[in-house]
Amino acid sequence: MNCGGFVVSTGHSVQINLPRTVLKPEVSFEWTPPVDSRGRPLSNAIERNRARTYFQAYSAAAALHFVEQALAEVRAGHSKTWKKFTVPDEAVSCGFTEAVRGVLSHHMVIRKGKIANYHPYPPTPWNGSVRDSYGTPGPYEDAVQNTPIFEENPQDEFKGIDIMRAVRSFDPCLPCGVHMYLGNGKPIHKMHSPATLNVI
């Protein structure tokens, strides 16, 4: 991958080059996928958050590349942004893209020229998925297994902060809906909504 020199794949890392601005000089960053002491891929809450900071520079560099591409199209006279199309009478479609949190897909069924069924599958359900047919845990479960607990709270005041940090480092769409269940049935939080009362 080479986005006009702004983003360059070196084969072992991603180099991000940003031009100077009115207030800042040009700058380059290099993100290398983390590995542990044995050279195995390393994934933890700190590394996911660290990668997210590099992604800010990556997004800016990619945006610059796309703006340059768009300007080149406009200068070449290719300014049409819409093309007439006919909605099919019957169709099944799906589209996939890479979102910040992972794979995002859209699925749609058209019958009699109208949308009969539409469903997006955002990354969060995949990341929070249950174990597959081979017993492989989903990313959240895998991340919290064997997590060291550093909380200095007794059992009856356990909040699960360390586990919450691990899950929320994935930047899920449901960070405020992630709670701990201690297994003893004791309500630890009550939440009121207009339609119902939820006890978590």
C-alpha atoms as a PDB file:
ATOM      1  CA  MET A   1       0.000   0.000   0.000  1.00  0.00           C
ATOM      2  CA  ASN A   2       1.280   3.441  -0.927  1.00  0.00           C
ATOM      3  CA  CYS A   3      -1.033   6.441  -0.569  1.00  0.00           C
ATOM      4  CA  GLY A   4       0.941   8.972  -2.564  1.00  0.00           C
ATOM      5  CA  GLY A   5       3.839   8.769  -0.131  1.00  0.00           C
ATOM      6  CA  PHE A   6       1.627   9.786   2.788  1.00  0.00           C
ATOM      7  CA  VAL A   7       1.146   6.172   3.927  1.00  0.00           C
ATOM      8  CA  VAL A   8       3.769   3.593   2.965  1.00  0.00           C
ATOM      9  CA  SER A   9       3.906  -0.113   3.784  1.00  0.00           C
ATOM     10  CA  THR A  10       7.497  -1.154   4.457  1.00  0.00           C
ATOM     11  CA  GLY A  11       6.732  -4.869   4.699  1.00  0.00           C
ATOM     12  CA  HIS A  12       7.191  -4.903   8.473  1.00  0.00           C
ATOM     13  CA  SER A  13       5.596  -1.589   9.483  1.00  0.00           C
ATOM     14  CA  VAL A  14       3.456   1.318   8.332  1.00  0.00           C
ATOM     15  CA  GLN A  15       5.180   4.635   7.715  1.00  0.00           C
ATOM     16  CA  ILE A  16       2.999   7.735   8.002  1.00  0.00           C
ATOM     17  CA  ASN A  17       4.271  11.002   6.513  1.00  0.00           C
ATOM     18  CA  LEU A  18       2.466  14.274   7.154  1.00  0.00           C
ATOM     19  CA  PRO A  19       3.425  17.546   5.426  1.00  0.00           C
ATOM     20  CA  ARG A  20       4.122  20.772   7.266  1.00  0.00           C
ATOM     21  CA  THR A  21       1.273  23.011   8.272  1.00  0.00           C
ATOM     22  CA  VAL A  22       1.103  26.671   9.237  1.00  0.00           C
ATOM     23  CA  LEU A  23       2.000  25.836  12.838  1.00  0.00           C
ATOM     24  CA  LYS A  24       3.851  22.506  12.622  1.00  0.00           C
ATOM     25  CA  PRO A  25       6.805  21.160  10.601  1.00  0.00           C
ATOM     26  CA  GLU A  26       6.514  18.002   8.512  1.00  0.00           C
ATOM     27  CA  VAL A  27       6.608  14.837  10.568  1.00  0.00           C
ATOM     28  CA  SER A  28       6.852  11.071  10.061  1.00  0.00           C
ATOM     29  CA  PHE A  29       5.630   8.231  12.263  1.00  0.00           C
ATOM     30  CA  GLU A  30       6.244   4.507  11.990  1.00  0.00           C
ATOM     31  CA  TRP A  31       3.961   1.910  13.545  1.00  0.00           C
ATOM     32  CA  THR A  32       5.290  -1.613  13.888  1.00  0.00           C
ATOM     33  CA  PRO A  33       2.935  -4.433  14.912  1.00  0.00           C
ATOM     34  CA  PRO A  34       3.921  -5.319  18.493  1.00  0.00           C
ATOM     35  CA  VAL A  35       5.425  -8.685  19.399  1.00  0.00           C
ATOM     36  CA  ASP A  36       6.269 -10.295  22.713  1.00  0.00           C
ATOM     37  CA  SER A  37       9.711 -11.453  23.866  1.00  0.00           C
ATOM     38  CA  ARG A  38       9.343 -14.627  21.746  1.00  0.00           C
ATOM     39  CA  GLY A  39       8.417 -12.707  18.608  1.00  0.00           C
ATOM     40  CA  ARG A  40       4.731 -13.686  18.728  1.00  0.00           C
ATOM     41  CA  PRO A  41       2.031 -11.084  17.889  1.00  0.00           C
ATOM     42  CA  LEU A  42       1.173  -9.100  21.001  1.00  0.00           C
ATOM     43  CA  SER A  43      -2.341  -7.810  21.631  1.00  0.00           C
ATOM     44  CA  ASN A  44      -3.397  -6.145  24.845  1.00  0.00           C
ATOM     45  CA  ALA A  45      -5.269  -3.062  26.027  1.00  0.00           C
ATOM     46  CA  ILE A  46      -2.183  -0.841  26.042  1.00  0.00           C
ATOM     47  CA  GLU A  47      -1.131  -1.862  22.525  1.00  0.00           C
ATOM     48  CA  ARG A  48      -4.658  -1.415  21.140  1.00  0.00           C
ATOM     49  CA  ASN A  49      -4.827   2.103  22.589  1.00  0.00           C
ATOM     50  CA  ARG A  50      -1.301   2.873  21.345  1.00  0.00           C
ATOM     51  CA  ALA A  51      -2.242   1.717  17.839  1.00  0.00           C
ATOM     52  CA  ARG A  52      -5.309   3.960  17.977  1.00  0.00           C
ATOM     53  CA  THR A  53      -3.094   7.026  18.503  1.00  0.00           C
ATOM     54  CA  TYR A  54      -1.124   6.123  15.364  1.00  0.00           C
ATOM     55  CA  PHE A  55      -4.433   5.717  13.544  1.00  0.00           C
ATOM     56  CA  GLN A  56      -5.118   9.430  13.996  1.00  0.00           C
ATOM     57  CA  ALA A  57      -2.020  10.244  11.940  1.00  0.00           C
ATOM     58  CA  TYR A  58      -2.908   7.454   9.487  1.00  0.00           C
ATOM     59  CA  SER A  59      -6.400   8.924   8.984  1.00  0.00           C
ATOM     60  CA  ALA A  60      -4.970  12.394   8.331  1.00  0.00           C
ATOM     61  CA  ALA A  61      -2.441  10.984   5.832  1.00  0.00           C
ATOM     62  CA  ALA A  62      -5.081   8.911   4.026  1.00  0.00           C
ATOM     63  CA  ALA A  63      -7.391  11.943   3.884  1.00  0.00           C
ATOM     64  CA  LEU A  64      -4.643  13.997   2.232  1.00  0.00           C
ATOM     65  CA  HIS A  65      -4.142  11.261  -0.359  1.00  0.00           C
ATOM     66  CA  PHE A  66      -7.870  11.032  -1.103  1.00  0.00           C
ATOM     67  CA  VAL A  67      -8.180  14.829  -1.394  1.00  0.00           C
ATOM     68  CA  GLU A  68      -5.331  14.871  -3.916  1.00  0.00           C
ATOM     69  CA  GLN A  69      -7.020  12.087  -5.895  1.00  0.00           C
ATOM     70  CA  ALA A  70     -10.351  13.949  -5.836  1.00  0.00           C
ATOM     71  CA  LEU A  71      -8.746  17.202  -6.995  1.00  0.00           C
ATOM     72  CA  ALA A  72      -7.019  15.364  -9.846  1.00  0.00           C
ATOM     73  CA  GLU A  73     -10.397  13.989 -10.976  1.00  0.00           C
ATOM     74  CA  VAL A  74     -12.018  17.440 -10.828  1.00  0.00           C
ATOM     75  CA  ARG A  75      -9.137  19.018 -12.771  1.00  0.00           C
ATOM     76  CA  ALA A  76      -9.528  16.298 -15.404  1.00  0.00           C
ATOM     77  CA  GLY A  77     -13.185  17.247 -15.792  1.00  0.00           C
ATOM     78  CA  HIS A  78     -14.571  14.200 -14.010  1.00  0.00           C
ATOM     79  CA  SER A  79     -16.929  16.038 -11.678  1.00  0.00           C
ATOM     80  CA  LYS A  80     -20.033  13.871 -12.028  1.00  0.00           C
ATOM     81  CA  THR A  81     -21.059  12.571  -8.614  1.00  0.00           C
ATOM     82  CA  TRP A  82     -24.216  10.629  -9.458  1.00  0.00           C
ATOM     83  CA  LYS A  83     -25.380   8.306 -12.202  1.00  0.00           C
ATOM     84  CA  LYS A  84     -28.948   7.367 -12.990  1.00  0.00           C
ATOM     85  CA  PHE A  85     -29.775   3.770 -12.176  1.00  0.00           C
ATOM     86  CA  THR A  86     -32.757   1.462 -12.192  1.00  0.00           C
ATOM     87  CA  VAL A  87     -33.706  -0.406  -9.035  1.00  0.00           C
ATOM     88  CA  PRO A  88     -33.952  -4.112  -9.895  1.00  0.00           C
ATOM     89  CA  ASP A  89     -37.218  -5.933  -9.317  1.00  0.00           C
ATOM     90  CA  GLU A  90     -35.488  -8.779  -7.449  1.00  0.00           C
ATOM     91  CA  ALA A  91     -31.991  -8.755  -5.973  1.00  0.00           C
ATOM     92  CA  VAL A  92     -29.787  -9.982  -3.126  1.00  0.00           C
ATOM     93  CA  SER A  93     -26.727  -7.932  -2.280  1.00  0.00           C
ATOM     94  CA  CYS A  94     -23.957  -7.587   0.260  1.00  0.00           C
ATOM     95  CA  GLY A  95     -21.034  -5.241   0.728  1.00  0.00           C
ATOM     96  CA  PHE A  96     -17.976  -5.437   2.955  1.00  0.00           C
ATOM     97  CA  THR A  97     -15.620  -2.748   4.182  1.00  0.00           C
ATOM     98  CA  GLU A  98     -13.014  -2.336   6.905  1.00  0.00           C
ATOM     99  CA  ALA A  99     -14.203  -0.117   9.751  1.00  0.00           C
ATOM    100  CA  VAL A 100     -12.002   1.097  12.600  1.00  0.00           C
ATOM    101  CA  ARG A 101     -13.118  -1.746  14.862  1.00  0.00           C
ATOM    102  CA  GLY A 102     -13.056  -4.464  12.174  1.00  0.00           C
ATOM    103  CA  VAL A 103     -15.187  -5.838   9.346  1.00  0.00           C
ATOM    104  CA  LEU A 104     -18.452  -4.037   8.558  1.00  0.00           C
ATOM    105  CA  SER A 105     -20.914  -5.667   6.180  1.00  0.00           C
ATOM    106  CA  HIS A 106     -24.321  -4.685   4.786  1.00  0.00           C
ATOM    107  CA  HIS A 107     -26.863  -7.214   3.461  1.00  0.00           C
ATOM    108  CA  MET A 108     -30.029  -6.399   1.520  1.00  0.00           C
ATOM    109  CA  VAL A 109     -32.853  -8.216  -0.261  1.00  0.00           C
ATOM    110  CA  ILE A 110     -35.011  -6.421  -2.860  1.00  0.00           C
ATOM    111  CA  ARG A 111     -38.421  -7.789  -3.839  1.00  0.00           C
ATOM    112  CA  LYS A 112     -40.858  -6.087  -6.223  1.00  0.00           C
ATOM    113  CA  GLY A 113     -38.488  -3.125  -6.477  1.00  0.00           C
ATOM    114  CA  LYS A 114     -38.542  -2.432  -2.721  1.00  0.00           C
ATOM    115  CA  ILE A 115     -36.276  -3.269   0.197  1.00  0.00           C
ATOM    116  CA  ALA A 116     -37.688  -6.453   1.710  1.00  0.00           C
ATOM    117  CA  ASN A 117     -34.900  -7.044   4.202  1.00  0.00           C
ATOM    118  CA  TYR A 118     -31.820  -5.078   5.211  1.00  0.00           C
ATOM    119  CA  HIS A 119     -29.295  -5.800   7.913  1.00  0.00           C
ATOM    120  CA  PRO A 120     -25.895  -4.305   8.750  1.00  0.00           C
ATOM    121  CA  TYR A 121     -23.355  -6.405  10.654  1.00  0.00           C
ATOM    122  CA  PRO A 122     -21.030  -3.965  12.450  1.00  0.00           C
ATOM    123  CA  PRO A 123     -17.720  -5.087  13.981  1.00  0.00           C
ATOM    124  CA  THR A 124     -18.936  -5.095  17.583  1.00  0.00           C
ATOM    125  CA  PRO A 125     -21.076  -8.278  17.335  1.00  0.00           C
ATOM    126  CA  TRP A 126     -18.161 -10.085  15.675  1.00  0.00           C
ATOM    127  CA  ASN A 127     -15.740  -8.904  18.374  1.00  0.00           C
ATOM    128  CA  GLY A 128     -18.200  -9.861  21.097  1.00  0.00           C
ATOM    129  CA  SER A 129     -19.137 -13.149  19.457  1.00  0.00           C
ATOM    130  CA  VAL A 130     -19.492 -16.422  21.306  1.00  0.00           C
ATOM    131  CA  ARG A 131     -17.154 -19.358  20.746  1.00  0.00           C
ATOM    132  CA  ASP A 132     -17.247 -20.894  17.289  1.00  0.00           C
ATOM    133  CA  SER A 133     -17.827 -24.564  16.424  1.00  0.00           C
ATOM    134  CA  TYR A 134     -14.143 -25.270  17.144  1.00  0.00           C
ATOM    135  CA  GLY A 135     -14.316 -23.717  20.619  1.00  0.00           C
ATOM    136  CA  THR A 136     -12.319 -20.633  19.634  1.00  0.00           C
ATOM    137  CA  PRO A 137     -13.372 -17.736  21.885  1.00  0.00           C
ATOM    138  CA  GLY A 138     -14.419 -14.361  20.471  1.00  0.00           C
ATOM    139  CA  PRO A 139     -11.934 -11.466  20.712  1.00  0.00           C
ATOM    140  CA  TYR A 140     -13.391 -10.010  23.919  1.00  0.00           C
ATOM    141  CA  GLU A 141     -13.395 -13.339  25.738  1.00  0.00           C
ATOM    142  CA  ASP A 142      -9.920 -14.137  24.462  1.00  0.00           C
ATOM    143  CA  ALA A 143      -8.636 -10.758  25.649  1.00  0.00           C
ATOM    144  CA  VAL A 144      -9.923 -11.098  29.214  1.00  0.00           C
ATOM    145  CA  GLN A 145      -8.835 -14.690  29.792  1.00  0.00           C
ATOM    146  CA  ASN A 146      -5.984 -14.812  32.308  1.00  0.00           C
ATOM    147  CA  THR A 147      -6.131 -11.025  32.779  1.00  0.00           C
ATOM    148  CA  PRO A 148      -4.254 -10.060  35.971  1.00  0.00           C
ATOM    149  CA  ILE A 149      -6.605  -8.367  38.445  1.00  0.00           C
ATOM    150  CA  PHE A 150      -4.994  -5.422  40.217  1.00  0.00           C
ATOM    151  CA  GLU A 151      -8.090  -4.119  41.963  1.00  0.00           C
ATOM    152  CA  GLU A 152      -7.748  -3.812  45.695  1.00  0.00           C
ATOM    153  CA  ASN A 153     -11.432  -4.364  46.415  1.00  0.00           C
ATOM    154  CA  PRO A 154     -13.087  -7.098  48.453  1.00  0.00           C
ATOM    155  CA  GLN A 155     -15.366  -9.539  46.594  1.00  0.00           C
ATOM    156  CA  ASP A 156     -18.572  -7.732  47.569  1.00  0.00           C
ATOM    157  CA  GLU A 157     -17.220  -4.459  46.081  1.00  0.00           C
ATOM    158  CA  PHE A 158     -15.587  -5.947  42.997  1.00  0.00           C
ATOM    159  CA  LYS A 159     -16.100  -3.708  39.970  1.00  0.00           C
ATOM    160  CA  GLY A 160     -14.122  -5.549  37.277  1.00  0.00           C
ATOM    161  CA  ILE A 161     -12.192  -2.429  36.264  1.00  0.00           C
ATOM    162  CA  ASP A 162      -9.258  -4.362  34.792  1.00  0.00           C
ATOM    163  CA  ILE A 163     -11.575  -6.524  32.703  1.00  0.00           C
ATOM    164  CA  MET A 164     -13.577  -3.463  31.636  1.00  0.00           C
ATOM    165  CA  ARG A 165     -10.384  -1.747  30.470  1.00  0.00           C
ATOM    166  CA  ALA A 166      -9.555  -4.764  28.308  1.00  0.00           C
ATOM    167  CA  VAL A 167     -13.008  -4.907  26.687  1.00  0.00           C
ATOM    168  CA  ARG A 168     -13.270  -1.156  26.206  1.00  0.00           C
ATOM    169  CA  SER A 169      -9.820  -1.014  24.599  1.00  0.00           C
ATOM    170  CA  PHE A 170     -11.511  -2.559  21.552  1.00  0.00           C
ATOM    171  CA  ASP A 171     -13.569   0.660  21.372  1.00  0.00           C
ATOM    172  CA  PRO A 172     -16.856  -1.246  21.147  1.00  0.00           C
ATOM    173  CA  CYS A 173     -20.120   0.431  20.205  1.00  0.00           C
ATOM    174  CA  LEU A 174     -21.438  -0.603  23.610  1.00  0.00           C
ATOM    175  CA  PRO A 175     -18.835   0.572  26.148  1.00  0.00           C
ATOM    176  CA  CYS A 176     -21.474   1.821  28.570  1.00  0.00           C
ATOM    177  CA  GLY A 177     -23.399  -1.438  28.302  1.00  0.00           C
ATOM    178  CA  VAL A 178     -20.514  -3.618  29.515  1.00  0.00           C
ATOM    179  CA  HIS A 179     -21.055  -4.668  33.115  1.00  0.00           C
ATOM    180  CA  MET A 180     -19.786  -7.354  35.440  1.00  0.00           C
ATOM    181  CA  TYR A 181     -21.957 -10.221  36.655  1.00  0.00           C
ATOM    182  CA  LEU A 182     -20.572 -11.745  39.826  1.00  0.00           C
ATOM    183  CA  GLY A 183     -22.795 -14.806  39.763  1.00  0.00           C
ATOM    184  CA  ASN A 184     -24.474 -14.328  43.128  1.00  0.00           C
ATOM    185  CA  GLY A 185     -27.563 -12.570  41.786  1.00  0.00           C
ATOM    186  CA  LYS A 186     -26.979  -9.414  43.804  1.00  0.00           C
ATOM    187  CA  PRO A 187     -28.109  -6.254  41.952  1.00  0.00           C
ATOM    188  CA  ILE A 188     -25.086  -3.959  41.752  1.00  0.00           C
ATOM    189  CA  HIS A 189     -26.630  -1.255  39.585  1.00  0.00           C
ATOM    190  CA  LYS A 190     -30.154  -0.110  38.796  1.00  0.00           C
ATOM    191  CA  MET A 191     -30.933   1.706  35.583  1.00  0.00           C
ATOM    192  CA  HIS A 192     -34.261   3.411  34.856  1.00  0.00           C
ATOM    193  CA  SER A 193     -35.558   3.878  31.322  1.00  0.00           C
ATOM    194  CA  PRO A 194     -38.902   5.345  30.144  1.00  0.00           C
ATOM    195  CA  ALA A 195     -40.345   1.949  29.222  1.00  0.00           C
ATOM    196  CA  THR A 196     -38.950  -0.451  31.782  1.00  0.00           C
ATOM    197  CA  LEU A 197     -36.752  -1.008  34.817  1.00  0.00           C
ATOM    198  CA  ASN A 198     -33.564  -2.931  34.210  1.00  0.00           C
ATOM    199  CA  VAL A 199     -31.649  -4.499  37.070  1.00  0.00           C
ATOM    200  CA  ILE A 200     -28.081  -5.403  36.189  1.00  0.00           C
END
